[in-house]
Amino acid sequence: MSLKDIIQNESIEDVLTLLAPNSDYRKLDRLYTYTRFEAITSGELSLTFDELFRKGILQDHNGEIIKDPNWKEPKFVTEQKYDFK
């Protein structure tokens, strides 16, 4: 399975929880622009991103997105739904 499959099949919250600590917003925006454009046009990507900060899952550390103490691997990762090799 590819990253495209994950973006198309998993919740935005779960995808951002996994990818945001290793990416900047522009890269994530681009991924969704090419694979799930409705998440951009509806504003859902941006709103979900902001919600993850409010929930204490992500935090901004001098301009870098890092995992907050409330961060947990999304269920699709712990269940090994996709091969991440």
Protein backbone atom coordinates (compact mmCIF):
# COMPACT_ATOMS: atom_id res chain seq x y z
CA MET A 1 0.00 0.00 0.00
CA SER A 2 1.12 3.52 -0.70
CA LEU A 3 0.86 6.80 1.15
CA LYS A 4 -1.91 7.68 -1.29
CA ASP A 5 -3.92 4.68 -0.06
CA ILE A 6 -3.48 5.76 3.55
CA ILE A 7 -4.63 9.32 2.80
CA GLN A 8 -7.66 8.07 0.87
CA ASN A 9 -8.70 5.42 3.42
CA GLU A 10 -7.87 6.84 6.85
CA SER A 11 -9.21 9.81 8.77
CA ILE A 12 -7.47 13.13 8.36
CA GLU A 13 -6.85 13.20 12.11
CA ASP A 14 -5.06 9.85 12.04
CA VAL A 15 -2.96 10.74 9.00
CA LEU A 16 -1.91 14.09 10.48
CA THR A 17 -1.17 12.47 13.83
CA LEU A 18 1.25 10.14 12.08
CA LEU A 19 2.81 12.46 9.51
CA ALA A 20 2.76 15.97 10.99
CA PRO A 21 5.68 15.45 13.41
CA ASN A 22 7.88 14.61 10.39
CA SER A 23 6.51 17.07 7.84
CA ASP A 24 5.64 20.70 7.49
CA TYR A 25 2.13 21.87 6.70
CA ARG A 26 2.96 22.73 3.07
CA LYS A 27 3.98 19.14 2.32
CA LEU A 28 0.85 17.77 3.97
CA ASP A 29 -1.29 20.27 2.07
CA ARG A 30 0.31 19.15 -1.18
CA LEU A 31 -0.32 15.47 -0.40
CA TYR A 32 -3.99 16.18 0.15
CA THR A 33 -4.21 18.45 -2.90
CA TYR A 34 -3.23 15.52 -5.11
CA THR A 35 -5.08 12.70 -3.36
CA ARG A 36 -8.07 14.09 -1.46
CA PHE A 37 -8.71 17.63 -2.69
CA GLU A 38 -12.10 17.93 -0.98
CA ALA A 39 -10.29 18.00 2.38
CA ILE A 40 -8.58 21.20 1.23
CA THR A 41 -11.57 22.92 -0.32
CA SER A 42 -13.84 22.17 2.64
CA GLY A 43 -11.24 23.45 5.12
CA GLU A 44 -11.26 20.11 6.94
CA LEU A 45 -7.48 19.64 6.69
CA SER A 46 -6.74 22.98 8.31
CA LEU A 47 -9.43 22.60 10.98
CA THR A 48 -8.23 19.11 11.89
CA PHE A 49 -4.64 20.30 12.09
CA ASP A 50 -5.65 23.09 14.48
CA GLU A 51 -7.72 20.63 16.55
CA LEU A 52 -4.70 18.35 17.05
CA PHE A 53 -2.86 21.28 18.65
CA ARG A 54 -5.83 22.08 20.88
CA LYS A 55 -6.13 18.43 21.97
CA GLY A 56 -2.46 18.33 22.94
CA ILE A 57 -1.56 15.71 20.35
CA LEU A 58 0.82 18.02 18.47
CA GLN A 59 2.70 21.10 19.55
CA ASP A 60 4.79 23.81 17.95
CA HIS A 61 8.34 23.87 19.22
CA ASN A 62 10.12 26.90 17.73
CA GLY A 63 8.39 26.42 14.38
CA GLU A 64 8.83 22.65 14.33
CA ILE A 65 5.84 20.36 14.83
CA ILE A 66 6.54 17.78 17.50
CA LYS A 67 4.57 15.13 19.35
CA ASP A 68 2.83 16.36 22.48
CA PRO A 69 2.55 14.10 25.57
CA ASN A 70 -0.98 13.08 24.45
CA TRP A 71 0.32 11.74 21.12
CA LYS A 72 -0.45 8.08 20.36
CA GLU A 73 0.09 6.08 17.22
CA PRO A 74 -3.08 5.91 15.14
CA LYS A 75 -4.95 2.62 15.26
CA PHE A 76 -4.07 1.75 11.66
CA VAL A 77 -0.38 1.83 12.66
CA THR A 78 -0.71 -0.23 15.83
CA GLU A 79 -2.82 -2.77 13.95
CA GLN A 80 -0.19 -2.88 11.17
CA LYS A 81 -2.85 -2.32 8.55
CA TYR A 82 -0.26 -1.09 6.04
CA ASP A 83 3.24 -2.29 5.25
CA PHE A 84 5.56 0.64 6.05
CA LYS A 85 8.72 -0.87 4.53
